[in-house]
Amino acid sequence: MRLIVFGDVHANIAALERCYEEAMRHEPDRIIHLADLGGYAPFVNEVTEFMIEHRIEGVQGNYDFNVAHETEDCGCKYEDPVQAELSHVSFEWTKAHASSKNKKYMKDLPFSIRLEAAGKRIHIFHATPMANNLYWYEERSEKFYRRMTKKADADVLIFGHTHKPFRRELDGKVFINAGSVGKPKDDNPQTGFVLIDVDNTEIKSRFMRLDYDVEKVASAIIKAGLPPLFAVKLRVGAG
């Protein structure tokens, strides 16, 4: 089976369109998105409608849950008070501009998706198997990985949320973070996705990185009245 996974999109329609265009060249059996469809850029409706129109299945992220339920906070992690305030501006903007139809789509997304291919059990979720706002960084302890494996009950665990792609193997299990389509945080402004091939002998993965019109999205962020710092970070791949 050939599986393509799109990590956190965050209202970046140009990046999503570029990823989809490239993904289709690889003739995947399935494409799955890891959600966080809105936030930090102005194209939440365009991104959500793209998923619906192209019938791309996906899971629910913390941003989707909180936008759909119109809570007071996105469930995000903040490094300082300034970041917290700017993120709150983004969250309020997204709640105000996302259509009722698209909020319903976000609300109806499943927490996770389970697949099986070549005898391998695959579990796909936004952040962790039991919480969509817990950050699973590559440097987490082996104890943490084993705890997640037990919770997921799978051979291959695929997730996002941190916006930093990686692959790790432990105890015969494979862990893949798909990174972020629309808001990378690995100091690379390119968009990207992960391509995964599962057969009877091995599990292969390739992290695809692609150029797209970053400046077009950065300009749209500013024009929409969102914090200019979002545009600055997008240009350098700093989230």
C-alpha atoms as a PDB file:
ATOM      1  CA  MET A   1       0.000   0.000   0.000  1.00  0.00           C
ATOM      2  CA  ARG A   2       1.149   3.497  -0.803  1.00  0.00           C
ATOM      3  CA  LEU A   3      -0.053   6.036   1.740  1.00  0.00           C
ATOM      4  CA  ILE A   4       0.498   9.788   1.629  1.00  0.00           C
ATOM      5  CA  VAL A   5      -0.037  11.835   4.776  1.00  0.00           C
ATOM      6  CA  PHE A   6      -0.423  15.606   4.938  1.00  0.00           C
ATOM      7  CA  GLY A   7       0.604  17.126   8.264  1.00  0.00           C
ATOM      8  CA  ASP A   8      -0.906  20.245   9.848  1.00  0.00           C
ATOM      9  CA  VAL A   9      -2.195  22.555   7.089  1.00  0.00           C
ATOM     10  CA  HIS A  10      -3.081  25.712   9.059  1.00  0.00           C
ATOM     11  CA  ALA A  11      -5.084  27.569   6.427  1.00  0.00           C
ATOM     12  CA  ASN A  12      -2.290  27.555   3.840  1.00  0.00           C
ATOM     13  CA  ILE A  13      -4.153  26.754   0.634  1.00  0.00           C
ATOM     14  CA  ALA A  14      -1.188  27.376  -1.680  1.00  0.00           C
ATOM     15  CA  ALA A  15       0.923  24.829   0.185  1.00  0.00           C
ATOM     16  CA  LEU A  16      -1.931  22.313   0.224  1.00  0.00           C
ATOM     17  CA  GLU A  17      -2.527  22.639  -3.507  1.00  0.00           C
ATOM     18  CA  ARG A  18       1.183  22.135  -4.203  1.00  0.00           C
ATOM     19  CA  CYS A  19       1.311  19.043  -2.008  1.00  0.00           C
ATOM     20  CA  TYR A  20      -1.784  17.547  -3.597  1.00  0.00           C
ATOM     21  CA  GLU A  21      -0.423  18.158  -7.089  1.00  0.00           C
ATOM     22  CA  GLU A  22       2.808  16.355  -6.220  1.00  0.00           C
ATOM     23  CA  ALA A  23       1.039  13.613  -4.262  1.00  0.00           C
ATOM     24  CA  MET A  24      -1.084  12.628  -7.242  1.00  0.00           C
ATOM     25  CA  ARG A  25       2.058  12.099  -9.318  1.00  0.00           C
ATOM     26  CA  HIS A  26       2.969   9.252  -6.955  1.00  0.00           C
ATOM     27  CA  GLU A  27      -0.376   7.452  -7.413  1.00  0.00           C
ATOM     28  CA  PRO A  28      -1.165   6.807  -3.738  1.00  0.00           C
ATOM     29  CA  ASP A  29      -3.747   4.283  -2.615  1.00  0.00           C
ATOM     30  CA  ARG A  30      -4.875   6.722   0.057  1.00  0.00           C
ATOM     31  CA  ILE A  31      -4.240  10.293   1.143  1.00  0.00           C
ATOM     32  CA  ILE A  32      -4.963  11.238   4.747  1.00  0.00           C
ATOM     33  CA  HIS A  33      -4.631  14.624   6.424  1.00  0.00           C
ATOM     34  CA  LEU A  34      -3.690  15.211  10.061  1.00  0.00           C
ATOM     35  CA  ALA A  35      -5.913  18.290  10.352  1.00  0.00           C
ATOM     36  CA  ASP A  36      -5.395  21.610  12.112  1.00  0.00           C
ATOM     37  CA  LEU A  37      -7.025  23.031   9.011  1.00  0.00           C
ATOM     38  CA  GLY A  38      -7.253  26.628  10.262  1.00  0.00           C
ATOM     39  CA  GLY A  39      -5.143  29.134  12.128  1.00  0.00           C
ATOM     40  CA  TYR A  40      -2.273  31.542  11.383  1.00  0.00           C
ATOM     41  CA  ALA A  41      -3.234  32.136   7.728  1.00  0.00           C
ATOM     42  CA  PRO A  42      -6.519  33.336   6.189  1.00  0.00           C
ATOM     43  CA  PHE A  43      -7.612  30.372   4.075  1.00  0.00           C
ATOM     44  CA  VAL A  44      -9.439  28.153   6.560  1.00  0.00           C
ATOM     45  CA  ASN A  45     -12.520  27.846   4.355  1.00  0.00           C
ATOM     46  CA  GLU A  46     -10.549  27.220   1.181  1.00  0.00           C
ATOM     47  CA  VAL A  47      -8.483  24.495   2.869  1.00  0.00           C
ATOM     48  CA  THR A  48     -11.502  22.775   4.403  1.00  0.00           C
ATOM     49  CA  GLU A  49     -13.452  22.903   1.156  1.00  0.00           C
ATOM     50  CA  PHE A  50     -10.435  21.481  -0.695  1.00  0.00           C
ATOM     51  CA  MET A  51     -10.455  18.456   1.611  1.00  0.00           C
ATOM     52  CA  ILE A  52     -14.182  17.998   1.066  1.00  0.00           C
ATOM     53  CA  GLU A  53     -14.046  18.470  -2.708  1.00  0.00           C
ATOM     54  CA  HIS A  54     -11.132  16.079  -3.163  1.00  0.00           C
ATOM     55  CA  ARG A  55     -12.507  13.583  -0.652  1.00  0.00           C
ATOM     56  CA  ILE A  56      -9.341  13.546   1.407  1.00  0.00           C
ATOM     57  CA  GLU A  57     -10.068  11.744   4.637  1.00  0.00           C
ATOM     58  CA  GLY A  58      -8.531  12.951   7.852  1.00  0.00           C
ATOM     59  CA  VAL A  59      -8.448  13.055  11.620  1.00  0.00           C
ATOM     60  CA  GLN A  60      -9.351  15.838  14.031  1.00  0.00           C
ATOM     61  CA  GLY A  61      -6.691  18.112  15.490  1.00  0.00           C
ATOM     62  CA  ASN A  62      -6.819  20.324  18.544  1.00  0.00           C
ATOM     63  CA  TYR A  63      -7.405  23.414  16.396  1.00  0.00           C
ATOM     64  CA  ASP A  64     -10.318  21.811  14.558  1.00  0.00           C
ATOM     65  CA  PHE A  65     -11.961  20.624  17.763  1.00  0.00           C
ATOM     66  CA  ASN A  66     -11.744  24.011  19.434  1.00  0.00           C
ATOM     67  CA  VAL A  67     -12.819  26.022  16.387  1.00  0.00           C
ATOM     68  CA  ALA A  68     -15.774  23.704  15.798  1.00  0.00           C
ATOM     69  CA  HIS A  69     -16.870  23.878  19.436  1.00  0.00           C
ATOM     70  CA  GLU A  70     -16.083  27.614  19.658  1.00  0.00           C
ATOM     71  CA  THR A  71     -14.094  27.249  22.871  1.00  0.00           C
ATOM     72  CA  GLU A  72     -11.996  30.012  24.424  1.00  0.00           C
ATOM     73  CA  ASP A  73      -8.603  28.525  23.573  1.00  0.00           C
ATOM     74  CA  CYS A  74      -7.084  26.498  20.726  1.00  0.00           C
ATOM     75  CA  GLY A  75      -5.323  24.057  23.052  1.00  0.00           C
ATOM     76  CA  CYS A  76      -1.949  25.232  21.765  1.00  0.00           C
ATOM     77  CA  LYS A  77       1.418  25.446  23.507  1.00  0.00           C
ATOM     78  CA  TYR A  78       2.903  28.887  24.175  1.00  0.00           C
ATOM     79  CA  GLU A  79       6.540  29.716  24.840  1.00  0.00           C
ATOM     80  CA  ASP A  80       5.897  33.250  26.093  1.00  0.00           C
ATOM     81  CA  PRO A  81       3.038  35.729  26.730  1.00  0.00           C
ATOM     82  CA  VAL A  82       3.517  37.447  23.364  1.00  0.00           C
ATOM     83  CA  GLN A  83       3.137  34.174  21.493  1.00  0.00           C
ATOM     84  CA  ALA A  84       0.063  33.380  23.567  1.00  0.00           C
ATOM     85  CA  GLU A  85      -1.550  36.706  22.671  1.00  0.00           C
ATOM     86  CA  LEU A  86      -0.784  36.398  18.951  1.00  0.00           C
ATOM     87  CA  SER A  87      -2.066  32.823  18.864  1.00  0.00           C
ATOM     88  CA  HIS A  88      -5.258  33.990  20.539  1.00  0.00           C
ATOM     89  CA  VAL A  89      -5.717  36.591  17.787  1.00  0.00           C
ATOM     90  CA  SER A  90      -5.336  33.825  15.198  1.00  0.00           C
ATOM     91  CA  PHE A  91      -7.802  31.582  16.991  1.00  0.00           C
ATOM     92  CA  GLU A  92     -10.453  34.286  17.323  1.00  0.00           C
ATOM     93  CA  TRP A  93      -9.990  35.269  13.662  1.00  0.00           C
ATOM     94  CA  THR A  94     -10.422  31.661  12.558  1.00  0.00           C
ATOM     95  CA  LYS A  95     -13.538  31.123  14.670  1.00  0.00           C
ATOM     96  CA  ALA A  96     -15.067  34.296  13.235  1.00  0.00           C
ATOM     97  CA  HIS A  97     -14.297  33.479   9.595  1.00  0.00           C
ATOM     98  CA  ALA A  98     -14.778  29.698   9.355  1.00  0.00           C
ATOM     99  CA  SER A  99     -18.178  28.915   7.851  1.00  0.00           C
ATOM    100  CA  SER A 100     -20.800  26.891   9.706  1.00  0.00           C
ATOM    101  CA  LYS A 101     -20.503  24.148   7.093  1.00  0.00           C
ATOM    102  CA  ASN A 102     -16.759  23.915   7.562  1.00  0.00           C
ATOM    103  CA  LYS A 103     -17.024  23.958  11.345  1.00  0.00           C
ATOM    104  CA  LYS A 104     -19.365  20.986  11.064  1.00  0.00           C
ATOM    105  CA  TYR A 105     -16.808  19.179   8.908  1.00  0.00           C
ATOM    106  CA  MET A 106     -14.155  19.806  11.570  1.00  0.00           C
ATOM    107  CA  LYS A 107     -16.498  18.685  14.324  1.00  0.00           C
ATOM    108  CA  ASP A 108     -17.294  15.434  12.525  1.00  0.00           C
ATOM    109  CA  LEU A 109     -13.677  14.422  11.895  1.00  0.00           C
ATOM    110  CA  PRO A 110     -12.703  11.203  13.711  1.00  0.00           C
ATOM    111  CA  PHE A 111     -10.081  11.260  16.438  1.00  0.00           C
ATOM    112  CA  SER A 112      -8.023   8.624  14.632  1.00  0.00           C
ATOM    113  CA  ILE A 113      -7.970   6.279  11.654  1.00  0.00           C
ATOM    114  CA  ARG A 114      -6.844   2.655  11.703  1.00  0.00           C
ATOM    115  CA  LEU A 115      -5.592   0.797   8.638  1.00  0.00           C
ATOM    116  CA  GLU A 116      -4.031  -2.565   7.933  1.00  0.00           C
ATOM    117  CA  ALA A 117      -1.603  -3.294   5.119  1.00  0.00           C
ATOM    118  CA  ALA A 118       0.614  -6.313   4.511  1.00  0.00           C
ATOM    119  CA  GLY A 119      -0.212  -7.550   8.001  1.00  0.00           C
ATOM    120  CA  LYS A 120       0.911  -4.284   9.599  1.00  0.00           C
ATOM    121  CA  ARG A 121      -1.476  -2.358  11.861  1.00  0.00           C
ATOM    122  CA  ILE A 122      -1.357   1.375  11.196  1.00  0.00           C
ATOM    123  CA  HIS A 123      -2.778   3.973  13.596  1.00  0.00           C
ATOM    124  CA  ILE A 124      -3.072   7.587  12.412  1.00  0.00           C
ATOM    125  CA  PHE A 125      -3.887  10.488  14.739  1.00  0.00           C
ATOM    126  CA  HIS A 126      -3.105  14.180  15.137  1.00  0.00           C
ATOM    127  CA  ALA A 127      -0.772  14.245  18.151  1.00  0.00           C
ATOM    128  CA  THR A 128      -0.920  11.131  20.359  1.00  0.00           C
ATOM    129  CA  PRO A 129      -3.268   8.128  20.611  1.00  0.00           C
ATOM    130  CA  MET A 130      -5.119   9.608  23.590  1.00  0.00           C
ATOM    131  CA  ALA A 131      -4.826  13.415  23.343  1.00  0.00           C
ATOM    132  CA  ASN A 132      -4.723  15.746  20.351  1.00  0.00           C
ATOM    133  CA  ASN A 133      -2.783  18.524  22.099  1.00  0.00           C
ATOM    134  CA  LEU A 134       0.212  16.643  23.531  1.00  0.00           C
ATOM    135  CA  TYR A 135       3.520  17.351  21.789  1.00  0.00           C
ATOM    136  CA  TRP A 136       5.426  14.256  20.648  1.00  0.00           C
ATOM    137  CA  TYR A 137       8.905  15.449  19.779  1.00  0.00           C
ATOM    138  CA  GLU A 138      11.525  13.089  18.368  1.00  0.00           C
ATOM    139  CA  GLU A 139      13.699  13.429  21.469  1.00  0.00           C
ATOM    140  CA  ARG A 140      11.021  12.039  23.783  1.00  0.00           C
ATOM    141  CA  SER A 141      12.229   9.187  25.996  1.00  0.00           C
ATOM    142  CA  GLU A 142      12.004   5.522  25.042  1.00  0.00           C
ATOM    143  CA  LYS A 143       9.587   5.143  27.942  1.00  0.00           C
ATOM    144  CA  PHE A 144       7.283   7.667  26.268  1.00  0.00           C
ATOM    145  CA  TYR A 145       7.500   5.864  22.909  1.00  0.00           C
ATOM    146  CA  ARG A 146       6.641   2.542  24.545  1.00  0.00           C
ATOM    147  CA  ARG A 147       3.704   4.097  26.378  1.00  0.00           C
ATOM    148  CA  MET A 148       2.375   5.524  23.118  1.00  0.00           C
ATOM    149  CA  THR A 149       2.831   2.151  21.417  1.00  0.00           C
ATOM    150  CA  LYS A 150       0.766   0.464  24.104  1.00  0.00           C
ATOM    151  CA  LYS A 151      -1.972   3.087  23.793  1.00  0.00           C
ATOM    152  CA  ALA A 152      -2.005   2.926  19.989  1.00  0.00           C
ATOM    153  CA  ASP A 153      -1.930  -0.880  19.742  1.00  0.00           C
ATOM    154  CA  ALA A 154      -0.289  -0.706  16.325  1.00  0.00           C
ATOM    155  CA  ASP A 155       2.895  -1.457  14.398  1.00  0.00           C
ATOM    156  CA  VAL A 156       3.069   1.904  12.631  1.00  0.00           C
ATOM    157  CA  LEU A 157       2.112   5.169  14.351  1.00  0.00           C
ATOM    158  CA  ILE A 158       1.641   8.268  12.177  1.00  0.00           C
ATOM    159  CA  PHE A 159       1.037  11.722  13.643  1.00  0.00           C
ATOM    160  CA  GLY A 160       1.871  15.436  13.440  1.00  0.00           C
ATOM    161  CA  HIS A 161       1.130  18.434  15.709  1.00  0.00           C
ATOM    162  CA  THR A 162       4.767  19.466  16.314  1.00  0.00           C
ATOM    163  CA  HIS A 163       5.338  20.570  12.689  1.00  0.00           C
ATOM    164  CA  LYS A 164       8.719  18.809  12.747  1.00  0.00           C
ATOM    165  CA  PRO A 165       8.991  15.687  10.561  1.00  0.00           C
ATOM    166  CA  PHE A 166      10.876  12.614  11.723  1.00  0.00           C
ATOM    167  CA  ARG A 167      10.967   8.838  11.609  1.00  0.00           C
ATOM    168  CA  ARG A 168      12.103   6.623  14.442  1.00  0.00           C
ATOM    169  CA  GLU A 169      12.024   2.888  15.098  1.00  0.00           C
ATOM    170  CA  LEU A 170      11.929   1.160  18.472  1.00  0.00           C
ATOM    171  CA  ASP A 171      11.126  -2.426  19.460  1.00  0.00           C
ATOM    172  CA  GLY A 172      10.119  -3.217  15.885  1.00  0.00           C
ATOM    173  CA  LYS A 173       7.597  -0.375  15.758  1.00  0.00           C
ATOM    174  CA  VAL A 174       7.742   2.553  13.335  1.00  0.00           C
ATOM    175  CA  PHE A 175       6.947   6.128  14.383  1.00  0.00           C
ATOM    176  CA  ILE A 176       6.438   8.784  11.710  1.00  0.00           C
ATOM    177  CA  ASN A 177       5.750  12.465  12.245  1.00  0.00           C
ATOM    178  CA  ALA A 178       4.474  13.890   8.957  1.00  0.00           C
ATOM    179  CA  GLY A 179       5.578  17.443   9.694  1.00  0.00           C
ATOM    180  CA  SER A 180       3.424  20.326   8.465  1.00  0.00           C
ATOM    181  CA  VAL A 181       2.043  21.247   5.066  1.00  0.00           C
ATOM    182  CA  GLY A 182       1.336  24.855   5.908  1.00  0.00           C
ATOM    183  CA  LYS A 183       3.399  25.941   8.921  1.00  0.00           C
ATOM    184  CA  PRO A 184       6.735  24.100   9.151  1.00  0.00           C
ATOM    185  CA  LYS A 185       8.892  24.633  12.221  1.00  0.00           C
ATOM    186  CA  ASP A 186      12.109  22.937  11.111  1.00  0.00           C
ATOM    187  CA  ASP A 187      13.757  26.072   9.668  1.00  0.00           C
ATOM    188  CA  ASN A 188      12.745  25.053   6.143  1.00  0.00           C
ATOM    189  CA  PRO A 189       9.986  27.156   4.564  1.00  0.00           C
ATOM    190  CA  GLN A 190       9.176  24.534   1.940  1.00  0.00           C
ATOM    191  CA  THR A 191       5.883  22.703   2.174  1.00  0.00           C
ATOM    192  CA  GLY A 192       5.869  18.912   2.249  1.00  0.00           C
ATOM    193  CA  PHE A 193       4.306  15.592   3.125  1.00  0.00           C
ATOM    194  CA  VAL A 194       5.342  12.033   3.879  1.00  0.00           C
ATOM    195  CA  LEU A 195       5.019   9.160   1.425  1.00  0.00           C
ATOM    196  CA  ILE A 196       4.839   5.716   3.023  1.00  0.00           C
ATOM    197  CA  ASP A 197       5.064   2.362   1.253  1.00  0.00           C
ATOM    198  CA  VAL A 198       4.053  -0.731   3.206  1.00  0.00           C
ATOM    199  CA  ASP A 199       4.689  -4.208   1.810  1.00  0.00           C
ATOM    200  CA  ASN A 200       5.397  -7.677   3.145  1.00  0.00           C
ATOM    201  CA  THR A 201       9.069  -6.986   3.758  1.00  0.00           C
ATOM    202  CA  GLU A 202       9.436  -3.413   4.977  1.00  0.00           C
ATOM    203  CA  ILE A 203       7.953   0.004   5.677  1.00  0.00           C
ATOM    204  CA  LYS A 204       9.555   2.714   3.583  1.00  0.00           C
ATOM    205  CA  SER A 205       9.018   6.428   4.082  1.00  0.00           C
ATOM    206  CA  ARG A 206      10.119   9.523   2.195  1.00  0.00           C
ATOM    207  CA  PHE A 207       9.737  13.091   3.372  1.00  0.00           C
ATOM    208  CA  MET A 208       8.937  15.155   0.303  1.00  0.00           C
ATOM    209  CA  ARG A 209       9.760  18.879   0.423  1.00  0.00           C
ATOM    210  CA  LEU A 210       8.462  21.252  -2.219  1.00  0.00           C
ATOM    211  CA  ASP A 211       8.792  24.876  -3.215  1.00  0.00           C
ATOM    212  CA  TYR A 212       5.624  26.957  -3.415  1.00  0.00           C
ATOM    213  CA  ASP A 213       4.685  30.645  -3.404  1.00  0.00           C
ATOM    214  CA  VAL A 214       5.415  31.431   0.246  1.00  0.00           C
ATOM    215  CA  GLU A 215       5.367  35.169  -0.375  1.00  0.00           C
ATOM    216  CA  LYS A 216       1.833  35.032  -1.763  1.00  0.00           C
ATOM    217  CA  VAL A 217       0.594  33.490   1.480  1.00  0.00           C
ATOM    218  CA  ALA A 218       2.703  35.823   3.632  1.00  0.00           C
ATOM    219  CA  SER A 219       1.156  38.821   1.870  1.00  0.00           C
ATOM    220  CA  ALA A 220      -2.338  37.383   2.346  1.00  0.00           C
ATOM    221  CA  ILE A 221      -1.684  36.989   6.080  1.00  0.00           C
ATOM    222  CA  ILE A 222      -0.868  40.676   6.409  1.00  0.00           C
ATOM    223  CA  LYS A 223      -3.735  41.770   4.148  1.00  0.00           C
ATOM    224  CA  ALA A 224      -6.197  39.785   6.282  1.00  0.00           C
ATOM    225  CA  GLY A 225      -5.132  41.702   9.379  1.00  0.00           C
ATOM    226  CA  LEU A 226      -3.426  38.765  11.062  1.00  0.00           C
ATOM    227  CA  PRO A 227      -0.216  39.428  13.026  1.00  0.00           C
ATOM    228  CA  PRO A 228       2.676  40.198  10.613  1.00  0.00           C
ATOM    229  CA  LEU A 229       4.931  37.944  12.701  1.00  0.00           C
ATOM    230  CA  PHE A 230       3.068  34.959  11.221  1.00  0.00           C
ATOM    231  CA  ALA A 231       4.280  36.032   7.768  1.00  0.00           C
ATOM    232  CA  VAL A 232       7.835  36.501   9.017  1.00  0.00           C
ATOM    233  CA  LYS A 233       7.924  33.008  10.501  1.00  0.00           C
ATOM    234  CA  LEU A 234       6.347  31.426   7.435  1.00  0.00           C
ATOM    235  CA  ARG A 235       9.082  32.857   5.230  1.00  0.00           C
ATOM    236  CA  VAL A 236      11.832  31.126   7.218  1.00  0.00           C
ATOM    237  CA  GLY A 237      10.084  27.930   8.315  1.00  0.00           C
ATOM    238  CA  ALA A 238       9.912  28.930  11.958  1.00  0.00           C
ATOM    239  CA  GLY A 239       6.242  28.151  12.505  1.00  0.00           C
END
